[in-house]
PDB file of N, CA and C in Angstrom:
ATOM      1  N   MET A   1     -15.918 -16.827 -11.843  1.00  0.00           N
ATOM      2  CA  MET A   1     -14.444 -17.136 -11.932  1.00  0.00           C
ATOM      3  C   MET A   1     -13.829 -16.220 -10.674  1.00  0.00           C
ATOM      4  N   ARG A   2     -12.969 -16.759 -10.021  1.00  0.00           N
ATOM      5  CA  ARG A   2     -12.308 -16.189  -8.880  1.00  0.00           C
ATOM      6  C   ARG A   2     -10.794 -15.689  -9.215  1.00  0.00           C
ATOM      7  N   LEU A   3     -10.580 -14.472  -8.950  1.00  0.00           N
ATOM      8  CA  LEU A   3      -9.223 -13.941  -9.090  1.00  0.00           C
ATOM      9  C   LEU A   3      -8.670 -13.254  -7.785  1.00  0.00           C
ATOM     10  N   THR A   4      -7.321 -13.298  -7.687  1.00  0.00           N
ATOM     11  CA  THR A   4      -6.733 -12.679  -6.541  1.00  0.00           C
ATOM     12  C   THR A   4      -6.071 -11.337  -7.161  1.00  0.00           C
ATOM     13  N   VAL A   5      -6.370 -10.119  -6.599  1.00  0.00           N
ATOM     14  CA  VAL A   5      -5.954  -8.924  -7.205  1.00  0.00           C
ATOM     15  C   VAL A   5      -5.206  -8.247  -6.214  1.00  0.00           C
ATOM     16  N   LYS A   6      -3.953  -7.895  -6.487  1.00  0.00           N
ATOM     17  CA  LYS A   6      -3.122  -7.062  -5.639  1.00  0.00           C
ATOM     18  C   LYS A   6      -2.893  -5.768  -6.185  1.00  0.00           C
ATOM     19  N   LEU A   7      -3.325  -4.722  -5.470  1.00  0.00           N
ATOM     20  CA  LEU A   7      -3.054  -3.206  -5.742  1.00  0.00           C
ATOM     21  C   LEU A   7      -1.852  -2.715  -5.142  1.00  0.00           C
ATOM     22  N   HIS A   8      -1.102  -2.114  -5.946  1.00  0.00           N
ATOM     23  CA  HIS A   8       0.297  -1.507  -5.540  1.00  0.00           C
ATOM     24  C   HIS A   8       0.159   0.015  -5.528  1.00  0.00           C
ATOM     25  N   GLY A   9       0.974   0.480  -4.684  1.00  0.00           N
ATOM     26  CA  GLY A   9       1.121   2.032  -4.542  1.00  0.00           C
ATOM     27  C   GLY A   9      -0.111   2.711  -4.287  1.00  0.00           C
ATOM     28  N   SER A  10      -0.325   3.857  -5.023  1.00  0.00           N
ATOM     29  CA  SER A  10      -1.457   4.672  -4.834  1.00  0.00           C
ATOM     30  C   SER A  10      -2.782   3.992  -5.084  1.00  0.00           C
ATOM     31  N   LEU A  11      -2.759   2.815  -5.727  1.00  0.00           N
ATOM     32  CA  LEU A  11      -3.983   2.041  -6.096  1.00  0.00           C
ATOM     33  C   LEU A  11      -4.674   1.448  -4.847  1.00  0.00           C
ATOM     34  N   ARG A  12      -3.832   1.363  -3.793  1.00  0.00           N
ATOM     35  CA  ARG A  12      -4.337   0.657  -2.603  1.00  0.00           C
ATOM     36  C   ARG A  12      -5.710   1.345  -2.038  1.00  0.00           C
ATOM     37  N   LYS A  13      -5.790   2.599  -2.284  1.00  0.00           N
ATOM     38  CA  LYS A  13      -7.017   3.309  -1.824  1.00  0.00           C
ATOM     39  C   LYS A  13      -8.351   2.865  -2.386  1.00  0.00           C
ATOM     40  N   TYR A  14      -8.132   2.087  -3.423  1.00  0.00           N
ATOM     41  CA  TYR A  14      -9.344   1.421  -4.158  1.00  0.00           C
ATOM     42  C   TYR A  14      -9.734   0.092  -3.668  1.00  0.00           C
ATOM     43  N   LEU A  15      -9.113  -0.466  -2.612  1.00  0.00           N
ATOM     44  CA  LEU A  15      -9.431  -1.656  -2.092  1.00  0.00           C
ATOM     45  C   LEU A  15     -10.935  -1.579  -1.475  1.00  0.00           C
ATOM     46  N   PRO A  16     -11.748  -2.556  -1.719  1.00  0.00           N
ATOM     47  CA  PRO A  16     -13.121  -2.476  -1.186  1.00  0.00           C
ATOM     48  C   PRO A  16     -13.067  -2.308   0.404  1.00  0.00           C
ATOM     49  N   ALA A  17     -13.978  -1.485   0.857  1.00  0.00           N
ATOM     50  CA  ALA A  17     -13.990  -1.292   2.283  1.00  0.00           C
ATOM     51  C   ALA A  17     -14.031  -2.537   3.181  1.00  0.00           C
ATOM     52  N   GLY A  18     -13.027  -2.513   4.140  1.00  0.00           N
ATOM     53  CA  GLY A  18     -13.038  -3.530   5.071  1.00  0.00           C
ATOM     54  C   GLY A  18     -12.174  -4.647   4.426  1.00  0.00           C
ATOM     55  N   ARG A  19     -11.559  -4.593   3.342  1.00  0.00           N
ATOM     56  CA  ARG A  19     -10.830  -5.640   2.716  1.00  0.00           C
ATOM     57  C   ARG A  19      -9.290  -5.373   2.756  1.00  0.00           C
ATOM     58  N   THR A  20      -8.448  -6.315   2.762  1.00  0.00           N
ATOM     59  CA  THR A  20      -7.073  -6.169   2.857  1.00  0.00           C
ATOM     60  C   THR A  20      -6.395  -6.627   1.492  1.00  0.00           C
ATOM     61  N   ASN A  21      -5.193  -6.199   1.296  1.00  0.00           N
ATOM     62  CA  ASN A  21      -4.471  -6.610   0.113  1.00  0.00           C
ATOM     63  C   ASN A  21      -3.587  -7.792   0.103  1.00  0.00           C
ATOM     64  N   PRO A  22      -3.674  -8.836  -0.724  1.00  0.00           N
ATOM     65  CA  PRO A  22      -4.609  -8.847  -1.942  1.00  0.00           C
ATOM     66  C   PRO A  22      -6.105  -9.116  -1.623  1.00  0.00           C
ATOM     67  N   VAL A  23      -6.810  -8.780  -2.520  1.00  0.00           N
ATOM     68  CA  VAL A  23      -8.324  -9.054  -2.422  1.00  0.00           C
ATOM     69  C   VAL A  23      -8.757 -10.162  -3.473  1.00  0.00           C
ATOM     70  N   VAL A  24      -9.604 -10.968  -2.983  1.00  0.00           N
ATOM     71  CA  VAL A  24     -10.208 -12.068  -3.879  1.00  0.00           C
ATOM     72  C   VAL A  24     -11.497 -11.610  -4.382  1.00  0.00           C
ATOM     73  N   LEU A  25     -11.634 -11.569  -5.770  1.00  0.00           N
ATOM     74  CA  LEU A  25     -12.878 -11.204  -6.398  1.00  0.00           C
ATOM     75  C   LEU A  25     -13.496 -12.118  -7.254  1.00  0.00           C
ATOM     76  N   ASP A  26     -14.771 -12.322  -7.158  1.00  0.00           N
ATOM     77  CA  ASP A  26     -15.487 -13.108  -8.203  1.00  0.00           C
ATOM     78  C   ASP A  26     -15.996 -12.254  -9.324  1.00  0.00           C
ATOM     79  N   VAL A  27     -15.554 -12.600 -10.494  1.00  0.00           N
ATOM     80  CA  VAL A  27     -15.896 -11.837 -11.685  1.00  0.00           C
ATOM     81  C   VAL A  27     -16.489 -12.876 -12.777  1.00  0.00           C
ATOM     82  N   GLY A  28     -17.005 -12.265 -13.781  1.00  0.00           N
ATOM     83  CA  GLY A  28     -17.512 -13.050 -14.968  1.00  0.00           C
ATOM     84  C   GLY A  28     -16.558 -13.962 -15.557  1.00  0.00           C
ATOM     85  N   SER A  29     -16.895 -14.990 -16.304  1.00  0.00           N
ATOM     86  CA  SER A  29     -16.078 -16.007 -16.814  1.00  0.00           C
ATOM     87  C   SER A  29     -15.292 -15.420 -18.032  1.00  0.00           C
ATOM     88  N   SER A  30     -15.623 -14.262 -18.614  1.00  0.00           N
ATOM     89  CA  SER A  30     -14.762 -13.754 -19.718  1.00  0.00           C
ATOM     90  C   SER A  30     -14.258 -12.376 -19.231  1.00  0.00           C
ATOM     91  N   ALA A  31     -13.955 -12.141 -17.988  1.00  0.00           N
ATOM     92  CA  ALA A  31     -13.568 -10.901 -17.386  1.00  0.00           C
ATOM     93  C   ALA A  31     -12.103 -10.447 -18.069  1.00  0.00           C
ATOM     94  N   THR A  32     -12.053  -9.198 -18.370  1.00  0.00           N
ATOM     95  CA  THR A  32     -10.751  -8.674 -18.774  1.00  0.00           C
ATOM     96  C   THR A  32     -10.092  -7.935 -17.773  1.00  0.00           C
ATOM     97  N   VAL A  33      -8.886  -7.552 -17.986  1.00  0.00           N
ATOM     98  CA  VAL A  33      -8.124  -6.527 -17.095  1.00  0.00           C
ATOM     99  C   VAL A  33      -9.032  -5.345 -16.782  1.00  0.00           C
ATOM    100  N   ALA A  34      -9.378  -4.755 -17.906  1.00  0.00           N
ATOM    101  CA  ALA A  34     -10.402  -3.473 -17.852  1.00  0.00           C
ATOM    102  C   ALA A  34     -11.537  -3.697 -16.877  1.00  0.00           C
ATOM    103  N   ASP A  35     -12.126  -4.799 -17.087  1.00  0.00           N
ATOM    104  CA  ASP A  35     -13.392  -5.179 -16.264  1.00  0.00           C
ATOM    105  C   ASP A  35     -13.096  -5.142 -14.705  1.00  0.00           C
ATOM    106  N   VAL A  36     -11.894  -5.723 -14.326  1.00  0.00           N
ATOM    107  CA  VAL A  36     -11.461  -5.798 -12.946  1.00  0.00           C
ATOM    108  C   VAL A  36     -11.198  -4.316 -12.546  1.00  0.00           C
ATOM    109  N   ILE A  37     -10.431  -3.557 -13.347  1.00  0.00           N
ATOM    110  CA  ILE A  37     -10.166  -2.091 -13.070  1.00  0.00           C
ATOM    111  C   ILE A  37     -11.464  -1.437 -12.729  1.00  0.00           C
ATOM    112  N   ASN A  38     -12.390  -1.496 -13.638  1.00  0.00           N
ATOM    113  CA  ASN A  38     -13.839  -0.888 -13.512  1.00  0.00           C
ATOM    114  C   ASN A  38     -14.486  -1.499 -12.231  1.00  0.00           C
ATOM    115  N   CYS A  39     -14.484  -2.724 -12.057  1.00  0.00           N
ATOM    116  CA  CYS A  39     -15.120  -3.360 -10.879  1.00  0.00           C
ATOM    117  C   CYS A  39     -14.611  -2.769  -9.544  1.00  0.00           C
ATOM    118  N   LEU A  40     -13.409  -2.407  -9.406  1.00  0.00           N
ATOM    119  CA  LEU A  40     -12.768  -1.868  -8.351  1.00  0.00           C
ATOM    120  C   LEU A  40     -13.029  -0.197  -8.277  1.00  0.00           C
ATOM    121  N   GLY A  41     -13.625   0.192  -9.308  1.00  0.00           N
ATOM    122  CA  GLY A  41     -13.792   1.744  -9.279  1.00  0.00           C
ATOM    123  C   GLY A  41     -12.432   2.538  -9.441  1.00  0.00           C
ATOM    124  N   ILE A  42     -11.554   1.977  -9.984  1.00  0.00           N
ATOM    125  CA  ILE A  42     -10.273   2.622 -10.411  1.00  0.00           C
ATOM    126  C   ILE A  42     -10.406   3.386 -11.719  1.00  0.00           C
ATOM    127  N   PRO A  43     -10.197   4.677 -11.724  1.00  0.00           N
ATOM    128  CA  PRO A  43     -10.258   5.369 -13.122  1.00  0.00           C
ATOM    129  C   PRO A  43      -9.253   4.782 -14.086  1.00  0.00           C
ATOM    130  N   ALA A  44      -9.710   4.697 -15.250  1.00  0.00           N
ATOM    131  CA  ALA A  44      -8.776   3.937 -16.303  1.00  0.00           C
ATOM    132  C   ALA A  44      -7.439   4.558 -16.368  1.00  0.00           C
ATOM    133  N   ASN A  45      -7.303   5.797 -16.201  1.00  0.00           N
ATOM    134  CA  ASN A  45      -5.993   6.383 -16.328  1.00  0.00           C
ATOM    135  C   ASN A  45      -5.142   6.163 -15.105  1.00  0.00           C
ATOM    136  N   HIS A  46      -5.553   5.567 -14.044  1.00  0.00           N
ATOM    137  CA  HIS A  46      -4.880   5.466 -12.686  1.00  0.00           C
ATOM    138  C   HIS A  46      -4.128   4.066 -12.682  1.00  0.00           C
ATOM    139  N   SER A  47      -4.607   3.096 -13.465  1.00  0.00           N
ATOM    140  CA  SER A  47      -3.921   1.883 -13.604  1.00  0.00           C
ATOM    141  C   SER A  47      -3.321   1.624 -14.899  1.00  0.00           C
ATOM    142  N   ARG A  48      -2.060   1.781 -14.948  1.00  0.00           N
ATOM    143  CA  ARG A  48      -1.291   1.580 -16.276  1.00  0.00           C
ATOM    144  C   ARG A  48      -0.597   0.247 -16.450  1.00  0.00           C
ATOM    145  N   ILE A  49      -0.288  -0.370 -15.454  1.00  0.00           N
ATOM    146  CA  ILE A  49       0.441  -1.532 -15.619  1.00  0.00           C
ATOM    147  C   ILE A  49      -0.270  -2.745 -14.916  1.00  0.00           C
ATOM    148  N   ALA A  50      -0.659  -3.730 -15.816  1.00  0.00           N
ATOM    149  CA  ALA A  50      -1.326  -5.026 -15.219  1.00  0.00           C
ATOM    150  C   ALA A  50      -0.295  -6.158 -15.509  1.00  0.00           C
ATOM    151  N   VAL A  51      -0.087  -6.951 -14.532  1.00  0.00           N
ATOM    152  CA  VAL A  51       0.902  -8.116 -14.645  1.00  0.00           C
ATOM    153  C   VAL A  51       0.365  -9.360 -13.989  1.00  0.00           C
ATOM    154  N   VAL A  52       0.335 -10.551 -14.774  1.00  0.00           N
ATOM    155  CA  VAL A  52      -0.009 -11.735 -14.349  1.00  0.00           C
ATOM    156  C   VAL A  52       1.045 -12.680 -14.684  1.00  0.00           C
ATOM    157  N   ASP A  53       1.689 -13.448 -13.704  1.00  0.00           N
ATOM    158  CA  ASP A  53       2.788 -14.432 -13.976  1.00  0.00           C
ATOM    159  C   ASP A  53       3.958 -13.852 -14.652  1.00  0.00           C
ATOM    160  N   GLU A  54       4.316 -12.572 -14.146  1.00  0.00           N
ATOM    161  CA  GLU A  54       5.480 -11.781 -14.577  1.00  0.00           C
ATOM    162  C   GLU A  54       5.330 -11.279 -16.005  1.00  0.00           C
ATOM    163  N   LYS A  55       4.080 -11.414 -16.647  1.00  0.00           N
ATOM    164  CA  LYS A  55       3.873 -10.783 -18.037  1.00  0.00           C
ATOM    165  C   LYS A  55       2.921  -9.629 -17.907  1.00  0.00           C
ATOM    166  N   GLN A  56       3.381  -8.693 -18.560  1.00  0.00           N
ATOM    167  CA  GLN A  56       2.368  -7.508 -18.586  1.00  0.00           C
ATOM    168  C   GLN A  56       1.329  -7.643 -19.651  1.00  0.00           C
ATOM    169  N   LEU A  57       0.011  -7.261 -19.232  1.00  0.00           N
ATOM    170  CA  LEU A  57      -1.155  -7.509 -19.980  1.00  0.00           C
ATOM    171  C   LEU A  57      -1.880  -6.249 -20.449  1.00  0.00           C
ATOM    172  N   GLU A  58      -2.314  -6.309 -21.614  1.00  0.00           N
ATOM    173  CA  GLU A  58      -3.148  -5.103 -22.099  1.00  0.00           C
ATOM    174  C   GLU A  58      -4.538  -5.091 -21.363  1.00  0.00           C
ATOM    175  N   PRO A  59      -5.205  -3.957 -21.287  1.00  0.00           N
ATOM    176  CA  PRO A  59      -6.470  -3.907 -20.775  1.00  0.00           C
ATOM    177  C   PRO A  59      -7.589  -4.819 -21.292  1.00  0.00           C
ATOM    178  N   THR A  60      -7.431  -5.180 -22.499  1.00  0.00           N
ATOM    179  CA  THR A  60      -8.278  -6.020 -23.251  1.00  0.00           C
ATOM    180  C   THR A  60      -8.082  -7.538 -22.988  1.00  0.00           C
ATOM    181  N   ALA A  61      -7.023  -7.955 -22.265  1.00  0.00           N
ATOM    182  CA  ALA A  61      -6.640  -9.352 -21.990  1.00  0.00           C
ATOM    183  C   ALA A  61      -7.749 -10.033 -21.167  1.00  0.00           C
ATOM    184  N   VAL A  62      -8.139 -11.233 -21.676  1.00  0.00           N
ATOM    185  CA  VAL A  62      -9.131 -11.962 -20.809  1.00  0.00           C
ATOM    186  C   VAL A  62      -8.327 -12.838 -19.737  1.00  0.00           C
ATOM    187  N   LEU A  63      -8.899 -12.740 -18.543  1.00  0.00           N
ATOM    188  CA  LEU A  63      -8.127 -13.396 -17.464  1.00  0.00           C
ATOM    189  C   LEU A  63      -8.744 -14.845 -17.212  1.00  0.00           C
ATOM    190  N   SER A  64      -8.017 -15.628 -16.483  1.00  0.00           N
ATOM    191  CA  SER A  64      -8.457 -17.092 -16.269  1.00  0.00           C
ATOM    192  C   SER A  64      -8.583 -17.219 -14.820  1.00  0.00           C
ATOM    193  N   ASP A  65      -9.451 -18.182 -14.417  1.00  0.00           N
ATOM    194  CA  ASP A  65      -9.768 -18.513 -13.112  1.00  0.00           C
ATOM    195  C   ASP A  65      -8.551 -18.916 -12.331  1.00  0.00           C
ATOM    196  N   GLY A  66      -8.380 -18.223 -11.164  1.00  0.00           N
ATOM    197  CA  GLY A  66      -7.314 -18.553 -10.181  1.00  0.00           C
ATOM    198  C   GLY A  66      -6.099 -17.729 -10.324  1.00  0.00           C
ATOM    199  N   GLN A  67      -6.054 -16.833 -11.418  1.00  0.00           N
ATOM    200  CA  GLN A  67      -4.882 -15.990 -11.546  1.00  0.00           C
ATOM    201  C   GLN A  67      -4.763 -14.896 -10.529  1.00  0.00           C
ATOM    202  N   GLU A  68      -3.560 -14.455 -10.407  1.00  0.00           N
ATOM    203  CA  GLU A  68      -3.266 -13.274  -9.543  1.00  0.00           C
ATOM    204  C   GLU A  68      -2.940 -12.208 -10.363  1.00  0.00           C
ATOM    205  N   LEU A  69      -3.715 -11.124 -10.321  1.00  0.00           N
ATOM    206  CA  LEU A  69      -3.497  -9.927 -11.198  1.00  0.00           C
ATOM    207  C   LEU A  69      -2.910  -8.863 -10.281  1.00  0.00           C
ATOM    208  N   ASN A  70      -1.736  -8.275 -10.671  1.00  0.00           N
ATOM    209  CA  ASN A  70      -1.081  -7.157  -9.984  1.00  0.00           C
ATOM    210  C   ASN A  70      -1.373  -5.982 -10.709  1.00  0.00           C
ATOM    211  N   LEU A  71      -1.840  -4.978 -10.096  1.00  0.00           N
ATOM    212  CA  LEU A  71      -2.168  -3.528 -10.751  1.00  0.00           C
ATOM    213  C   LEU A  71      -1.261  -2.533 -10.095  1.00  0.00           C
ATOM    214  N   PHE A  72      -0.669  -1.782 -11.068  1.00  0.00           N
ATOM    215  CA  PHE A  72       0.291  -0.770 -10.616  1.00  0.00           C
ATOM    216  C   PHE A  72      -0.171   0.556 -11.266  1.00  0.00           C
ATOM    217  N   PRO A  73       0.095   1.693 -10.375  1.00  0.00           N
ATOM    218  CA  PRO A  73      -0.267   3.058 -10.918  1.00  0.00           C
ATOM    219  C   PRO A  73       0.813   3.402 -11.980  1.00  0.00           C
ATOM    220  N   PRO A  74       0.496   4.553 -12.678  1.00  0.00           N
ATOM    221  CA  PRO A  74       1.597   5.148 -13.689  1.00  0.00           C
ATOM    222  C   PRO A  74       2.774   5.218 -12.978  1.00  0.00           C
ATOM    223  N   LEU A  75       3.978   4.984 -13.471  1.00  0.00           N
ATOM    224  CA  LEU A  75       5.148   5.216 -12.932  1.00  0.00           C
ATOM    225  C   LEU A  75       5.869   6.457 -13.484  1.00  0.00           C
ATOM    226  N   VAL A  76       6.556   7.259 -12.602  1.00  0.00           N
ATOM    227  CA  VAL A  76       7.154   8.524 -13.117  1.00  0.00           C
ATOM    228  C   VAL A  76       8.564   8.465 -12.610  1.00  0.00           C
ATOM    229  N   GLY A  77       9.394   9.399 -13.195  1.00  0.00           N
ATOM    230  CA  GLY A  77      10.746   9.503 -12.707  1.00  0.00           C
ATOM    231  C   GLY A  77      11.723   8.923 -13.791  1.00  0.00           C
ATOM    232  N   GLY A  78      12.926   8.936 -13.522  1.00  0.00           N
ATOM    233  CA  GLY A  78      13.961   8.370 -14.374  1.00  0.00           C
ATOM    234  C   GLY A  78      14.935   9.443 -14.549  1.00  0.00           C
ATOM    235  N   VAL A  79      15.792   9.207 -15.480  1.00  0.00           N
ATOM    236  CA  VAL A  79      17.039  10.083 -15.698  1.00  0.00           C
ATOM    237  C   VAL A  79      16.816  10.709 -17.082  1.00  0.00           C
TER     238      VAL A  79
END
């Protein structure tokens, strides 16, 4: 299965060498968000928000072929 993965903010440092953002990955047919995070070598606590089609997904969510997965680092700040 092929996914497009876009890394945001400080997660960009986990792009595979020589690759640009977004990156296209080939993953197993039942890959989850956590599988993609692991595949990219991102520590589990560094990617807190995963979004596909404007919907936030849990790490256990199974992805589908052709989806674009956006990964965001933990957000801080506020009032």
